mmCIF file of all heavy atoms, coordinates in Angstrom:
data_MODEL
# 
_entry.id   MODEL 
# 
loop_
_atom_site.group_PDB 
_atom_site.id 
_atom_site.type_symbol 
_atom_site.label_atom_id 
_atom_site.label_alt_id 
_atom_site.label_comp_id 
_atom_site.label_asym_id 
_atom_site.label_entity_id 
_atom_site.label_seq_id 
_atom_site.pdbx_PDB_ins_code 
_atom_site.Cartn_x 
_atom_site.Cartn_y 
_atom_site.Cartn_z 
_atom_site.occupancy 
_atom_site.B_iso_or_equiv 
_atom_site.pdbx_formal_charge 
_atom_site.auth_seq_id 
_atom_site.auth_comp_id 
_atom_site.auth_asym_id 
_atom_site.auth_atom_id 
_atom_site.pdbx_PDB_model_num 
ATOM 1   N N   . SER A 1 1  ? 12.873  10.518 -20.742 1.00 0.00 ? 1  SER A N   1 
ATOM 2   C CA  . SER A 1 1  ? 13.930  9.716  -21.357 1.00 0.00 ? 1  SER A CA  1 
ATOM 3   C C   . SER A 1 1  ? 14.920  9.175  -20.334 1.00 0.00 ? 1  SER A C   1 
ATOM 4   O O   . SER A 1 1  ? 15.666  8.236  -20.611 1.00 0.00 ? 1  SER A O   1 
ATOM 5   C CB  . SER A 1 1  ? 14.681  10.555 -22.402 1.00 0.00 ? 1  SER A CB  1 
ATOM 6   O OG  . SER A 1 1  ? 15.223  11.734 -21.792 1.00 0.00 ? 1  SER A OG  1 
ATOM 7   N N   . GLU A 1 2  ? 14.949  9.751  -19.124 1.00 0.00 ? 2  GLU A N   1 
ATOM 8   C CA  . GLU A 1 2  ? 15.841  9.296  -18.061 1.00 0.00 ? 2  GLU A CA  1 
ATOM 9   C C   . GLU A 1 2  ? 15.110  8.441  -17.023 1.00 0.00 ? 2  GLU A C   1 
ATOM 10  O O   . GLU A 1 2  ? 15.603  8.245  -15.912 1.00 0.00 ? 2  GLU A O   1 
ATOM 11  C CB  . GLU A 1 2  ? 16.495  10.506 -17.372 1.00 0.00 ? 2  GLU A CB  1 
ATOM 12  C CG  . GLU A 1 2  ? 17.374  11.322 -18.313 1.00 0.00 ? 2  GLU A CG  1 
ATOM 13  C CD  . GLU A 1 2  ? 18.014  12.500 -17.611 1.00 0.00 ? 2  GLU A CD  1 
ATOM 14  O OE1 . GLU A 1 2  ? 17.694  12.718 -16.406 1.00 0.00 ? 2  GLU A OE1 1 
ATOM 15  O OE2 . GLU A 1 2  ? 18.830  13.204 -18.243 1.00 0.00 ? 2  GLU A OE2 1 
ATOM 16  N N   . ASN A 1 3  ? 13.937  7.956  -17.386 1.00 0.00 ? 3  ASN A N   1 
ATOM 17  C CA  . ASN A 1 3  ? 13.107  7.091  -16.533 1.00 0.00 ? 3  ASN A CA  1 
ATOM 18  C C   . ASN A 1 3  ? 12.684  7.765  -15.233 1.00 0.00 ? 3  ASN A C   1 
ATOM 19  O O   . ASN A 1 3  ? 12.505  7.114  -14.205 1.00 0.00 ? 3  ASN A O   1 
ATOM 20  C CB  . ASN A 1 3  ? 13.837  5.781  -16.212 1.00 0.00 ? 3  ASN A CB  1 
ATOM 21  C CG  . ASN A 1 3  ? 13.976  4.881  -17.416 1.00 0.00 ? 3  ASN A CG  1 
ATOM 22  O OD1 . ASN A 1 3  ? 13.134  4.915  -18.318 1.00 0.00 ? 3  ASN A OD1 1 
ATOM 23  N ND2 . ASN A 1 3  ? 15.039  4.091  -17.447 1.00 0.00 ? 3  ASN A ND2 1 
ATOM 24  N N   . LYS A 1 4  ? 12.492  9.074  -15.301 1.00 0.00 ? 4  LYS A N   1 
ATOM 25  C CA  . LYS A 1 4  ? 11.952  9.794  -14.153 1.00 0.00 ? 4  LYS A CA  1 
ATOM 26  C C   . LYS A 1 4  ? 10.467  10.031 -14.374 1.00 0.00 ? 4  LYS A C   1 
ATOM 27  O O   . LYS A 1 4  ? 10.019  10.295 -15.491 1.00 0.00 ? 4  LYS A O   1 
ATOM 28  C CB  . LYS A 1 4  ? 12.675  11.130 -13.972 1.00 0.00 ? 4  LYS A CB  1 
ATOM 29  C CG  . LYS A 1 4  ? 14.135  10.962 -13.564 1.00 0.00 ? 4  LYS A CG  1 
ATOM 30  C CD  . LYS A 1 4  ? 14.783  12.327 -13.339 1.00 0.00 ? 4  LYS A CD  1 
ATOM 31  C CE  . LYS A 1 4  ? 16.247  12.163 -12.899 1.00 0.00 ? 4  LYS A CE  1 
ATOM 32  N NZ  . LYS A 1 4  ? 16.921  13.469 -12.678 1.00 0.00 ? 4  LYS A NZ  1 
ATOM 33  N N   . THR A 1 5  ? 9.707   9.900  -13.272 1.00 0.00 ? 5  THR A N   1 
ATOM 34  C CA  . THR A 1 5  ? 8.256   10.025 -13.362 1.00 0.00 ? 5  THR A CA  1 
ATOM 35  C C   . THR A 1 5  ? 7.862   11.462 -13.701 1.00 0.00 ? 5  THR A C   1 
ATOM 36  O O   . THR A 1 5  ? 8.244   12.417 -13.012 1.00 0.00 ? 5  THR A O   1 
ATOM 37  C CB  . THR A 1 5  ? 7.589   9.596  -12.049 1.00 0.00 ? 5  THR A CB  1 
ATOM 38  O OG1 . THR A 1 5  ? 7.984   8.248  -11.739 1.00 0.00 ? 5  THR A OG1 1 
ATOM 39  C CG2 . THR A 1 5  ? 6.086   9.673  -12.148 1.00 0.00 ? 5  THR A CG2 1 
ATOM 40  N N   . VAL A 1 6  ? 7.094   11.592 -14.778 1.00 0.00 ? 6  VAL A N   1 
ATOM 41  C CA  . VAL A 1 6  ? 6.581   12.905 -15.196 1.00 0.00 ? 6  VAL A CA  1 
ATOM 42  C C   . VAL A 1 6  ? 5.171   13.101 -14.663 1.00 0.00 ? 6  VAL A C   1 
ATOM 43  O O   . VAL A 1 6  ? 4.834   14.148 -14.119 1.00 0.00 ? 6  VAL A O   1 
ATOM 44  C CB  . VAL A 1 6  ? 6.609   13.027 -16.732 1.00 0.00 ? 6  VAL A CB  1 
ATOM 45  C CG1 . VAL A 1 6  ? 5.985   14.345 -17.168 1.00 0.00 ? 6  VAL A CG1 1 
ATOM 46  C CG2 . VAL A 1 6  ? 8.027   12.902 -17.254 1.00 0.00 ? 6  VAL A CG2 1 
ATOM 47  N N   . SER A 1 7  ? 4.343   12.052 -14.817 1.00 0.00 ? 7  SER A N   1 
ATOM 48  C CA  . SER A 1 7  ? 2.965   12.129 -14.315 1.00 0.00 ? 7  SER A CA  1 
ATOM 49  C C   . SER A 1 7  ? 2.468   10.717 -14.071 1.00 0.00 ? 7  SER A C   1 
ATOM 50  O O   . SER A 1 7  ? 3.061   9.735  -14.529 1.00 0.00 ? 7  SER A O   1 
ATOM 51  C CB  . SER A 1 7  ? 2.056   12.837 -15.316 1.00 0.00 ? 7  SER A CB  1 
ATOM 52  O OG  . SER A 1 7  ? 1.997   12.110 -16.543 1.00 0.00 ? 7  SER A OG  1 
ATOM 53  N N   . SER A 1 8  ? 1.361   10.624 -13.356 1.00 0.00 ? 8  SER A N   1 
ATOM 54  C CA  . SER A 1 8  ? 0.774   9.326  -13.060 1.00 0.00 ? 8  SER A CA  1 
ATOM 55  C C   . SER A 1 8  ? -0.735  9.435  -13.038 1.00 0.00 ? 8  SER A C   1 
ATOM 56  O O   . SER A 1 8  ? -1.280  10.530 -12.815 1.00 0.00 ? 8  SER A O   1 
ATOM 57  C CB  . SER A 1 8  ? 1.282   8.795  -11.716 1.00 0.00 ? 8  SER A CB  1 
ATOM 58  O OG  . SER A 1 8  ? 0.923   9.680  -10.655 1.00 0.00 ? 8  SER A OG  1 
ATOM 59  N N   . ASN A 1 9  ? -1.391  8.307  -13.250 1.00 0.00 ? 9  ASN A N   1 
ATOM 60  C CA  . ASN A 1 9  ? -2.848  8.255  -13.247 1.00 0.00 ? 9  ASN A CA  1 
ATOM 61  C C   . ASN A 1 9  ? -3.267  7.129  -12.315 1.00 0.00 ? 9  ASN A C   1 
ATOM 62  O O   . ASN A 1 9  ? -3.171  5.952  -12.652 1.00 0.00 ? 9  ASN A O   1 
ATOM 63  C CB  . ASN A 1 9  ? -3.380  8.012  -14.662 1.00 0.00 ? 9  ASN A CB  1 
ATOM 64  C CG  . ASN A 1 9  ? -4.896  7.845  -14.678 1.00 0.00 ? 9  ASN A CG  1 
ATOM 65  O OD1 . ASN A 1 9  ? -5.580  8.254  -13.750 1.00 0.00 ? 9  ASN A OD1 1 
ATOM 66  N ND2 . ASN A 1 9  ? -5.401  7.230  -15.742 1.00 0.00 ? 9  ASN A ND2 1 
ATOM 67  N N   . LEU A 1 10 ? -3.705  7.489  -11.103 1.00 0.00 ? 10 LEU A N   1 
ATOM 68  C CA  . LEU A 1 10 ? -4.098  6.498  -10.091 1.00 0.00 ? 10 LEU A CA  1 
ATOM 69  C C   . LEU A 1 10 ? -5.592  6.515  -9.833  1.00 0.00 ? 10 LEU A C   1 
ATOM 70  O O   . LEU A 1 10 ? -6.066  5.975  -8.826  1.00 0.00 ? 10 LEU A O   1 
ATOM 71  C CB  . LEU A 1 10 ? -3.370  6.772  -8.775  1.00 0.00 ? 10 LEU A CB  1 
ATOM 72  C CG  . LEU A 1 10 ? -1.834  6.669  -8.813  1.00 0.00 ? 10 LEU A CG  1 
ATOM 73  C CD1 . LEU A 1 10 ? -1.248  7.146  -7.493  1.00 0.00 ? 10 LEU A CD1 1 
ATOM 74  C CD2 . LEU A 1 10 ? -1.413  5.248  -9.098  1.00 0.00 ? 10 LEU A CD2 1 
ATOM 75  N N   . GLY A 1 11 ? -6.343  7.105  -10.742 1.00 0.00 ? 11 GLY A N   1 
ATOM 76  C CA  . GLY A 1 11 ? -7.777  7.269  -10.514 1.00 0.00 ? 11 GLY A CA  1 
ATOM 77  C C   . GLY A 1 11 ? -8.582  5.990  -10.633 1.00 0.00 ? 11 GLY A C   1 
ATOM 78  O O   . GLY A 1 11 ? -9.723  5.952  -10.168 1.00 0.00 ? 11 GLY A O   1 
ATOM 79  N N   . ARG A 1 12 ? -8.004  4.944  -11.219 1.00 0.00 ? 12 ARG A N   1 
ATOM 80  C CA  . ARG A 1 12 ? -8.775  3.722  -11.437 1.00 0.00 ? 12 ARG A CA  1 
ATOM 81  C C   . ARG A 1 12 ? -8.324  2.559  -10.562 1.00 0.00 ? 12 ARG A C   1 
ATOM 82  O O   . ARG A 1 12 ? -8.600  1.410  -10.867 1.00 0.00 ? 12 ARG A O   1 
ATOM 83  C CB  . ARG A 1 12 ? -8.669  3.314  -12.912 1.00 0.00 ? 12 ARG A CB  1 
ATOM 84  C CG  . ARG A 1 12 ? -9.254  4.342  -13.876 1.00 0.00 ? 12 ARG A CG  1 
ATOM 85  C CD  . ARG A 1 12 ? -10.755 4.483  -13.661 1.00 0.00 ? 12 ARG A CD  1 
ATOM 86  N NE  . ARG A 1 12 ? -11.435 3.237  -13.918 1.00 0.00 ? 12 ARG A NE  1 
ATOM 87  C CZ  . ARG A 1 12 ? -11.858 2.858  -15.118 1.00 0.00 ? 12 ARG A CZ  1 
ATOM 88  N NH1 . ARG A 1 12 ? -11.677 3.647  -16.160 1.00 0.00 ? 12 ARG A NH1 1 
ATOM 89  N NH2 . ARG A 1 12 ? -12.474 1.704  -15.275 1.00 0.00 ? 12 ARG A NH2 1 
ATOM 90  N N   . ILE A 1 13 ? -7.610  2.885  -9.479  1.00 0.00 ? 13 ILE A N   1 
ATOM 91  C CA  . ILE A 1 13 ? -7.184  1.828  -8.554  1.00 0.00 ? 13 ILE A CA  1 
ATOM 92  C C   . ILE A 1 13 ? -7.037  2.408  -7.158  1.00 0.00 ? 13 ILE A C   1 
ATOM 93  O O   . ILE A 1 13 ? -6.662  3.580  -6.992  1.00 0.00 ? 13 ILE A O   1 
ATOM 94  C CB  . ILE A 1 13 ? -5.856  1.197  -9.024  1.00 0.00 ? 13 ILE A CB  1 
ATOM 95  C CG1 . ILE A 1 13 ? -5.611  -0.121 -8.297  1.00 0.00 ? 13 ILE A CG1 1 
ATOM 96  C CG2 . ILE A 1 13 ? -4.684  2.160  -8.817  1.00 0.00 ? 13 ILE A CG2 1 
ATOM 97  C CD1 . ILE A 1 13 ? -4.511  -0.952 -8.914  1.00 0.00 ? 13 ILE A CD1 1 
ATOM 98  N N   . ALA A 1 14 ? -7.376  1.592  -6.138  1.00 0.00 ? 14 ALA A N   1 
ATOM 99  C CA  . ALA A 1 14 ? -7.303  2.050  -4.755  1.00 0.00 ? 14 ALA A CA  1 
ATOM 100 C C   . ALA A 1 14 ? -6.194  1.355  -3.973  1.00 0.00 ? 14 ALA A C   1 
ATOM 101 O O   . ALA A 1 14 ? -5.832  1.798  -2.887  1.00 0.00 ? 14 ALA A O   1 
ATOM 102 C CB  . ALA A 1 14 ? -8.643  1.825  -4.056  1.00 0.00 ? 14 ALA A CB  1 
ATOM 103 N N   . ALA A 1 15 ? -5.660  0.278  -4.510  1.00 0.00 ? 15 ALA A N   1 
ATOM 104 C CA  . ALA A 1 15 ? -4.672  -0.514 -3.769  1.00 0.00 ? 15 ALA A CA  1 
ATOM 105 C C   . ALA A 1 15 ? -3.273  0.058  -3.858  1.00 0.00 ? 15 ALA A C   1 
ATOM 106 O O   . ALA A 1 15 ? -2.383  -0.376 -3.132  1.00 0.00 ? 15 ALA A O   1 
ATOM 107 C CB  . ALA A 1 15 ? -4.670  -1.955 -4.296  1.00 0.00 ? 15 ALA A CB  1 
ATOM 108 N N   . VAL A 1 16 ? -3.048  1.071  -4.722  1.00 0.00 ? 16 VAL A N   1 
ATOM 109 C CA  . VAL A 1 16 ? -1.720  1.632  -4.929  1.00 0.00 ? 16 VAL A CA  1 
ATOM 110 C C   . VAL A 1 16 ? -1.802  3.149  -4.745  1.00 0.00 ? 16 VAL A C   1 
ATOM 111 O O   . VAL A 1 16 ? -2.732  3.798  -5.256  1.00 0.00 ? 16 VAL A O   1 
ATOM 112 C CB  . VAL A 1 16 ? -1.179  1.298  -6.332  1.00 0.00 ? 16 VAL A CB  1 
ATOM 113 C CG1 . VAL A 1 16 ? 0.203   1.915  -6.526  1.00 0.00 ? 16 VAL A CG1 1 
ATOM 114 C CG2 . VAL A 1 16 ? -1.121  -0.210 -6.541  1.00 0.00 ? 16 VAL A CG2 1 
ATOM 115 N N   . ASP A 1 17 ? -0.827  3.712  -4.032  1.00 0.00 ? 17 ASP A N   1 
ATOM 116 C CA  . ASP A 1 17 ? -0.784  5.163  -3.867  1.00 0.00 ? 17 ASP A CA  1 
ATOM 117 C C   . ASP A 1 17 ? 0.527   5.699  -4.425  1.00 0.00 ? 17 ASP A C   1 
ATOM 118 O O   . ASP A 1 17 ? 1.372   4.949  -4.931  1.00 0.00 ? 17 ASP A O   1 
ATOM 119 C CB  . ASP A 1 17 ? -0.959  5.560  -2.398  1.00 0.00 ? 17 ASP A CB  1 
ATOM 120 C CG  . ASP A 1 17 ? 0.072   4.893  -1.488  1.00 0.00 ? 17 ASP A CG  1 
ATOM 121 O OD1 . ASP A 1 17 ? 1.210   4.627  -1.967  1.00 0.00 ? 17 ASP A OD1 1 
ATOM 122 O OD2 . ASP A 1 17 ? -0.249  4.615  -0.312  1.00 0.00 ? 17 ASP A OD2 1 
ATOM 123 N N   . GLU A 1 18 ? 0.696   7.012  -4.340  1.00 0.00 ? 18 GLU A N   1 
ATOM 124 C CA  . GLU A 1 18 ? 1.872   7.675  -4.911  1.00 0.00 ? 18 GLU A CA  1 
ATOM 125 C C   . GLU A 1 18 ? 3.181   7.156  -4.317  1.00 0.00 ? 18 GLU A C   1 
ATOM 126 O O   . GLU A 1 18 ? 4.209   7.079  -4.999  1.00 0.00 ? 18 GLU A O   1 
ATOM 127 C CB  . GLU A 1 18 ? 1.769   9.190  -4.671  1.00 0.00 ? 18 GLU A CB  1 
ATOM 128 C CG  . GLU A 1 18 ? 0.668   9.886  -5.441  1.00 0.00 ? 18 GLU A CG  1 
ATOM 129 C CD  . GLU A 1 18 ? 1.019   10.058 -6.906  1.00 0.00 ? 18 GLU A CD  1 
ATOM 130 O OE1 . GLU A 1 18 ? 2.179   9.805  -7.276  1.00 0.00 ? 18 GLU A OE1 1 
ATOM 131 O OE2 . GLU A 1 18 ? 0.128   10.425 -7.697  1.00 0.00 ? 18 GLU A OE2 1 
ATOM 132 N N   . ASN A 1 19 ? 3.156   6.784  -3.024  1.00 0.00 ? 19 ASN A N   1 
ATOM 133 C CA  . ASN A 1 19 ? 4.383   6.335  -2.365  1.00 0.00 ? 19 ASN A CA  1 
ATOM 134 C C   . ASN A 1 19 ? 4.885   4.983  -2.886  1.00 0.00 ? 19 ASN A C   1 
ATOM 135 O O   . ASN A 1 19 ? 6.048   4.634  -2.712  1.00 0.00 ? 19 ASN A O   1 
ATOM 136 C CB  . ASN A 1 19 ? 4.155   6.229  -0.857  1.00 0.00 ? 19 ASN A CB  1 
ATOM 137 C CG  . ASN A 1 19 ? 3.835   7.589  -0.235  1.00 0.00 ? 19 ASN A CG  1 
ATOM 138 O OD1 . ASN A 1 19 ? 4.332   8.623  -0.699  1.00 0.00 ? 19 ASN A OD1 1 
ATOM 139 N ND2 . ASN A 1 19 ? 2.985   7.589  0.793   1.00 0.00 ? 19 ASN A ND2 1 
ATOM 140 N N   . GLU A 1 20 ? 3.978   4.236  -3.511  1.00 0.00 ? 20 GLU A N   1 
ATOM 141 C CA  . GLU A 1 20 ? 4.352   2.909  -3.999  1.00 0.00 ? 20 GLU A CA  1 
ATOM 142 C C   . GLU A 1 20 ? 4.720   2.898  -5.474  1.00 0.00 ? 20 GLU A C   1 
ATOM 143 O O   . GLU A 1 20 ? 5.165   1.870  -6.001  1.00 0.00 ? 20 GLU A O   1 
ATOM 144 C CB  . GLU A 1 20 ? 3.192   1.921  -3.768  1.00 0.00 ? 20 GLU A CB  1 
ATOM 145 C CG  . GLU A 1 20 ? 2.858   1.719  -2.296  1.00 0.00 ? 20 GLU A CG  1 
ATOM 146 C CD  . GLU A 1 20 ? 1.594   0.897  -2.094  1.00 0.00 ? 20 GLU A CD  1 
ATOM 147 O OE1 . GLU A 1 20 ? 0.528   1.324  -2.565  1.00 0.00 ? 20 GLU A OE1 1 
ATOM 148 O OE2 . GLU A 1 20 ? 1.693   -0.186 -1.478  1.00 0.00 ? 20 GLU A OE2 1 
ATOM 149 N N   . LEU A 1 21 ? 4.538   4.025  -6.130  1.00 0.00 ? 21 LEU A N   1 
ATOM 150 C CA  . LEU A 1 21 ? 4.824   4.072  -7.560  1.00 0.00 ? 21 LEU A CA  1 
ATOM 151 C C   . LEU A 1 21 ? 6.289   3.770  -7.868  1.00 0.00 ? 21 LEU A C   1 
ATOM 152 O O   . LEU A 1 21 ? 6.601   3.143  -8.880  1.00 0.00 ? 21 LEU A O   1 
ATOM 153 C CB  . LEU A 1 21 ? 4.467   5.453  -8.118  1.00 0.00 ? 21 LEU A CB  1 
ATOM 154 C CG  . LEU A 1 21 ? 2.987   5.724  -8.380  1.00 0.00 ? 21 LEU A CG  1 
ATOM 155 C CD1 . LEU A 1 21 ? 2.799   7.131  -8.929  1.00 0.00 ? 21 LEU A CD1 1 
ATOM 156 C CD2 . LEU A 1 21 ? 2.425   4.690  -9.345  1.00 0.00 ? 21 LEU A CD2 1 
ATOM 157 N N   . GLU A 1 22 ? 7.171   4.228  -6.993  1.00 0.00 ? 22 GLU A N   1 
ATOM 158 C CA  . GLU A 1 22 ? 8.600   4.029  -7.250  1.00 0.00 ? 22 GLU A CA  1 
ATOM 159 C C   . GLU A 1 22 ? 8.955   2.545  -7.356  1.00 0.00 ? 22 GLU A C   1 
ATOM 160 O O   . GLU A 1 22 ? 9.751   2.148  -8.213  1.00 0.00 ? 22 GLU A O   1 
ATOM 161 C CB  . GLU A 1 22 ? 9.416   4.685  -6.131  1.00 0.00 ? 22 GLU A CB  1 
ATOM 162 C CG  . GLU A 1 22 ? 10.929  4.596  -6.377  1.00 0.00 ? 22 GLU A CG  1 
ATOM 163 C CD  . GLU A 1 22 ? 11.726  5.293  -5.285  1.00 0.00 ? 22 GLU A CD  1 
ATOM 164 O OE1 . GLU A 1 22 ? 11.110  5.889  -4.377  1.00 0.00 ? 22 GLU A OE1 1 
ATOM 165 O OE2 . GLU A 1 22 ? 12.970  5.233  -5.340  1.00 0.00 ? 22 GLU A OE2 1 
ATOM 166 N N   . PHE A 1 23 ? 8.342   1.728  -6.495  1.00 0.00 ? 23 PHE A N   1 
ATOM 167 C CA  . PHE A 1 23 ? 8.604   0.297  -6.553  1.00 0.00 ? 23 PHE A CA  1 
ATOM 168 C C   . PHE A 1 23 ? 8.194   -0.265 -7.910  1.00 0.00 ? 23 PHE A C   1 
ATOM 169 O O   . PHE A 1 23 ? 8.940   -1.031 -8.536  1.00 0.00 ? 23 PHE A O   1 
ATOM 170 C CB  . PHE A 1 23 ? 7.851   -0.420 -5.437  1.00 0.00 ? 23 PHE A CB  1 
ATOM 171 C CG  . PHE A 1 23 ? 7.840   -1.917 -5.605  1.00 0.00 ? 23 PHE A CG  1 
ATOM 172 C CD1 . PHE A 1 23 ? 8.928   -2.683 -5.225  1.00 0.00 ? 23 PHE A CD1 1 
ATOM 173 C CD2 . PHE A 1 23 ? 6.741   -2.557 -6.188  1.00 0.00 ? 23 PHE A CD2 1 
ATOM 174 C CE1 . PHE A 1 23 ? 8.920   -4.065 -5.395  1.00 0.00 ? 23 PHE A CE1 1 
ATOM 175 C CE2 . PHE A 1 23 ? 6.736   -3.927 -6.370  1.00 0.00 ? 23 PHE A CE2 1 
ATOM 176 C CZ  . PHE A 1 23 ? 7.819   -4.682 -5.966  1.00 0.00 ? 23 PHE A CZ  1 
ATOM 177 N N   . PHE A 1 24 ? 6.996   0.087  -8.362  1.00 0.00 ? 24 PHE A N   1 
ATOM 178 C CA  . PHE A 1 24 ? 6.496   -0.438 -9.637  1.00 0.00 ? 24 PHE A CA  1 
ATOM 179 C C   . PHE A 1 24 ? 7.375   0.006  -10.798 1.00 0.00 ? 24 PHE A C   1 
ATOM 180 O O   . PHE A 1 24 ? 7.698   -0.780 -11.698 1.00 0.00 ? 24 PHE A O   1 
ATOM 181 C CB  . PHE A 1 24 ? 5.047   0.011  -9.855  1.00 0.00 ? 24 PHE A CB  1 
ATOM 182 C CG  . PHE A 1 24 ? 4.050   -0.724 -8.994  1.00 0.00 ? 24 PHE A CG  1 
ATOM 183 C CD1 . PHE A 1 24 ? 3.740   -0.273 -7.725  1.00 0.00 ? 24 PHE A CD1 1 
ATOM 184 C CD2 . PHE A 1 24 ? 3.437   -1.867 -9.462  1.00 0.00 ? 24 PHE A CD2 1 
ATOM 185 C CE1 . PHE A 1 24 ? 2.822   -0.949 -6.940  1.00 0.00 ? 24 PHE A CE1 1 
ATOM 186 C CE2 . PHE A 1 24 ? 2.513   -2.559 -8.685  1.00 0.00 ? 24 PHE A CE2 1 
ATOM 187 C CZ  . PHE A 1 24 ? 2.211   -2.106 -7.408  1.00 0.00 ? 24 PHE A CZ  1 
ATOM 188 N N   . VAL A 1 25 ? 7.765   1.266  -10.793 1.00 0.00 ? 25 VAL A N   1 
ATOM 189 C CA  . VAL A 1 25 ? 8.597   1.790  -11.880 1.00 0.00 ? 25 VAL A CA  1 
ATOM 190 C C   . VAL A 1 25 ? 9.960   1.098  -11.889 1.00 0.00 ? 25 VAL A C   1 
ATOM 191 O O   . VAL A 1 25 ? 10.456  0.691  -12.947 1.00 0.00 ? 25 VAL A O   1 
ATOM 192 C CB  . VAL A 1 25 ? 8.764   3.326  -11.744 1.00 0.00 ? 25 VAL A CB  1 
ATOM 193 C CG1 . VAL A 1 25 ? 9.781   3.843  -12.762 1.00 0.00 ? 25 VAL A CG1 1 
ATOM 194 C CG2 . VAL A 1 25 ? 7.429   4.021  -11.945 1.00 0.00 ? 25 VAL A CG2 1 
ATOM 195 N N   . ASN A 1 26 ? 10.558  0.952  -10.709 1.00 0.00 ? 26 ASN A N   1 
ATOM 196 C CA  . ASN A 1 26 ? 11.871  0.291  -10.629 1.00 0.00 ? 26 ASN A CA  1 
ATOM 197 C C   . ASN A 1 26 ? 11.778  -1.177 -11.049 1.00 0.00 ? 26 ASN A C   1 
ATOM 198 O O   . ASN A 1 26 ? 12.702  -1.707 -11.673 1.00 0.00 ? 26 ASN A O   1 
ATOM 199 C CB  . ASN A 1 26 ? 12.421  0.392  -9.209  1.00 0.00 ? 26 ASN A CB  1 
ATOM 200 C CG  . ASN A 1 26 ? 12.805  1.808  -8.836  1.00 0.00 ? 26 ASN A CG  1 
ATOM 201 O OD1 . ASN A 1 26 ? 13.068  2.637  -9.720  1.00 0.00 ? 26 ASN A OD1 1 
ATOM 202 N ND2 . ASN A 1 26 ? 12.832  2.113  -7.550  1.00 0.00 ? 26 ASN A ND2 1 
ATOM 203 N N   . GLU A 1 27 ? 10.683  -1.823 -10.712 1.00 0.00 ? 27 GLU A N   1 
ATOM 204 C CA  . GLU A 1 27 ? 10.502  -3.222 -11.074 1.00 0.00 ? 27 GLU A CA  1 
ATOM 205 C C   . GLU A 1 27 ? 10.482  -3.395 -12.589 1.00 0.00 ? 27 GLU A C   1 
ATOM 206 O O   . GLU A 1 27 ? 11.105  -4.309 -13.139 1.00 0.00 ? 27 GLU A O   1 
ATOM 207 C CB  . GLU A 1 27 ? 9.191   -3.757 -10.470 1.00 0.00 ? 27 GLU A CB  1 
ATOM 208 C CG  . GLU A 1 27 ? 8.906   -5.224 -10.731 1.00 0.00 ? 27 GLU A CG  1 
ATOM 209 C CD  . GLU A 1 27 ? 9.842   -6.160 -10.000 1.00 0.00 ? 27 GLU A CD  1 
ATOM 210 O OE1 . GLU A 1 27 ? 10.380  -5.752 -8.943  1.00 0.00 ? 27 GLU A OE1 1 
ATOM 211 O OE2 . GLU A 1 27 ? 10.034  -7.297 -10.477 1.00 0.00 ? 27 GLU A OE2 1 
ATOM 212 N N   . VAL A 1 28 ? 9.783   -2.499 -13.266 1.00 0.00 ? 28 VAL A N   1 
ATOM 213 C CA  . VAL A 1 28 ? 9.691   -2.579 -14.730 1.00 0.00 ? 28 VAL A CA  1 
ATOM 214 C C   . VAL A 1 28 ? 11.004  -2.167 -15.379 1.00 0.00 ? 28 VAL A C   1 
ATOM 215 O O   . VAL A 1 28 ? 11.478  -2.808 -16.331 1.00 0.00 ? 28 VAL A O   1 
ATOM 216 C CB  . VAL A 1 28 ? 8.524   -1.718 -15.245 1.00 0.00 ? 28 VAL A CB  1 
ATOM 217 C CG1 . VAL A 1 28 ? 8.528   -1.682 -16.782 1.00 0.00 ? 28 VAL A CG1 1 
ATOM 218 C CG2 . VAL A 1 28 ? 7.206   -2.249 -14.734 1.00 0.00 ? 28 VAL A CG2 1 
ATOM 219 N N   . CYS A 1 29 ? 11.618  -1.107 -14.871 1.00 0.00 ? 29 CYS A N   1 
ATOM 220 C CA  . CYS A 1 29 ? 12.865  -0.621 -15.459 1.00 0.00 ? 29 CYS A CA  1 
ATOM 221 C C   . CYS A 1 29 ? 14.007  -1.630 -15.298 1.00 0.00 ? 29 CYS A C   1 
ATOM 222 O O   . CYS A 1 29 ? 14.971  -1.603 -16.083 1.00 0.00 ? 29 CYS A O   1 
ATOM 223 C CB  . CYS A 1 29 ? 13.257  0.711  -14.827 1.00 0.00 ? 29 CYS A CB  1 
ATOM 224 S SG  . CYS A 1 29 ? 12.149  2.085  -15.273 1.00 0.00 ? 29 CYS A SG  1 
# 
């Protein structure tokens, strides 16, 4: 509810890793 990452599923893509998730989340938020 506070827009903090609880879990992620990166098994179906190779171009994005855990370090880049923050950018994507911030972009959407």
